[in-house]
């Protein structure tokens, strides 16, 4: 069997934690920030884990990370 290619777009967006879960950054942080509250922008800076229903699909995109 040949090696699986890593999806480079996914590799830039996701990374695995030490326990094997997948981390992601939150959306809505790049522009139109004036109408968003300071609290909302501060909370968007924190990364979060990928939901369990999407974990398997994303793991297949980044097999060696």
C-alpha atoms as a PDB file:
ATOM      1  CA  UNK A   1       0.000   0.000   0.000  1.00  0.00           C
ATOM      2  CA  UNK A   2       1.295   3.486  -0.794  1.00  0.00           C
ATOM      3  CA  UNK A   3       1.663   6.133   1.840  1.00  0.00           C
ATOM      4  CA  UNK A   4      -1.299   8.445   2.461  1.00  0.00           C
ATOM      5  CA  UNK A   5      -0.757  12.067   1.474  1.00  0.00           C
ATOM      6  CA  UNK A   6      -1.343  14.663   4.166  1.00  0.00           C
ATOM      7  CA  UNK A   7      -3.919  17.299   3.239  1.00  0.00           C
ATOM      8  CA  UNK A   8      -1.754  20.414   3.532  1.00  0.00           C
ATOM      9  CA  UNK A   9      -4.723  22.697   4.160  1.00  0.00           C
ATOM     10  CA  UNK A  10      -5.777  20.559   7.126  1.00  0.00           C
ATOM     11  CA  UNK A  11      -2.189  20.324   8.382  1.00  0.00           C
ATOM     12  CA  UNK A  12      -2.098  24.119   8.711  1.00  0.00           C
ATOM     13  CA  UNK A  13      -5.411  24.238  10.592  1.00  0.00           C
ATOM     14  CA  UNK A  14      -5.270  21.272  12.972  1.00  0.00           C
ATOM     15  CA  UNK A  15      -2.733  19.688  15.305  1.00  0.00           C
ATOM     16  CA  UNK A  16      -2.814  16.698  17.608  1.00  0.00           C
ATOM     17  CA  UNK A  17      -2.521  16.950  21.386  1.00  0.00           C
ATOM     18  CA  UNK A  18      -0.393  14.655  23.510  1.00  0.00           C
ATOM     19  CA  UNK A  19      -3.406  12.450  24.224  1.00  0.00           C
ATOM     20  CA  UNK A  20      -4.217  12.141  20.506  1.00  0.00           C
ATOM     21  CA  UNK A  21      -7.178  14.518  20.319  1.00  0.00           C
ATOM     22  CA  UNK A  22      -7.282  17.166  17.594  1.00  0.00           C
ATOM     23  CA  UNK A  23      -7.073  20.884  18.367  1.00  0.00           C
ATOM     24  CA  UNK A  24      -8.418  23.682  16.197  1.00  0.00           C
ATOM     25  CA  UNK A  25      -8.606  27.467  16.250  1.00  0.00           C
ATOM     26  CA  UNK A  26     -11.923  29.263  16.385  1.00  0.00           C
ATOM     27  CA  UNK A  27     -13.391  31.123  13.416  1.00  0.00           C
ATOM     28  CA  UNK A  28     -14.627  34.747  13.142  1.00  0.00           C
ATOM     29  CA  UNK A  29     -11.363  36.366  14.289  1.00  0.00           C
ATOM     30  CA  UNK A  30      -9.955  37.981  11.155  1.00  0.00           C
ATOM     31  CA  UNK A  31     -12.146  40.969  10.239  1.00  0.00           C
ATOM     32  CA  UNK A  32     -15.322  42.894  11.120  1.00  0.00           C
ATOM     33  CA  UNK A  33     -14.115  42.987  14.721  1.00  0.00           C
ATOM     34  CA  UNK A  34     -15.582  46.355  15.734  1.00  0.00           C
ATOM     35  CA  UNK A  35     -19.080  45.011  16.361  1.00  0.00           C
ATOM     36  CA  UNK A  36     -17.783  42.077  18.440  1.00  0.00           C
ATOM     37  CA  UNK A  37     -17.400  42.611  22.169  1.00  0.00           C
ATOM     38  CA  UNK A  38     -13.999  42.500  23.851  1.00  0.00           C
ATOM     39  CA  UNK A  39     -15.091  39.439  25.811  1.00  0.00           C
ATOM     40  CA  UNK A  40     -16.137  37.617  22.636  1.00  0.00           C
ATOM     41  CA  UNK A  41     -12.850  38.425  20.873  1.00  0.00           C
ATOM     42  CA  UNK A  42     -10.858  37.312  23.901  1.00  0.00           C
ATOM     43  CA  UNK A  43     -12.703  33.966  24.038  1.00  0.00           C
ATOM     44  CA  UNK A  44     -12.196  33.434  20.288  1.00  0.00           C
ATOM     45  CA  UNK A  45      -8.414  33.549  20.827  1.00  0.00           C
ATOM     46  CA  UNK A  46      -8.514  30.289  22.775  1.00  0.00           C
ATOM     47  CA  UNK A  47      -8.206  27.086  20.793  1.00  0.00           C
ATOM     48  CA  UNK A  48     -10.649  24.246  21.298  1.00  0.00           C
ATOM     49  CA  UNK A  49     -10.963  20.547  20.503  1.00  0.00           C
ATOM     50  CA  UNK A  50     -12.578  19.214  17.353  1.00  0.00           C
ATOM     51  CA  UNK A  51     -16.009  17.706  18.000  1.00  0.00           C
ATOM     52  CA  UNK A  52     -16.091  13.936  18.302  1.00  0.00           C
ATOM     53  CA  UNK A  53     -18.317  13.553  15.227  1.00  0.00           C
ATOM     54  CA  UNK A  54     -15.648  15.204  13.017  1.00  0.00           C
ATOM     55  CA  UNK A  55     -12.567  13.712  14.655  1.00  0.00           C
ATOM     56  CA  UNK A  56     -12.324  10.595  12.470  1.00  0.00           C
ATOM     57  CA  UNK A  57     -12.640  12.525   9.190  1.00  0.00           C
ATOM     58  CA  UNK A  58      -9.999  15.083  10.167  1.00  0.00           C
ATOM     59  CA  UNK A  59      -7.654  12.400  11.507  1.00  0.00           C
ATOM     60  CA  UNK A  60      -7.683  10.778   8.070  1.00  0.00           C
ATOM     61  CA  UNK A  61      -6.574  14.105   6.510  1.00  0.00           C
ATOM     62  CA  UNK A  62      -3.564  14.405   8.829  1.00  0.00           C
ATOM     63  CA  UNK A  63      -2.372  10.794   9.244  1.00  0.00           C
ATOM     64  CA  UNK A  64       1.250  11.506  10.246  1.00  0.00           C
ATOM     65  CA  UNK A  65       0.937  14.648  12.391  1.00  0.00           C
END
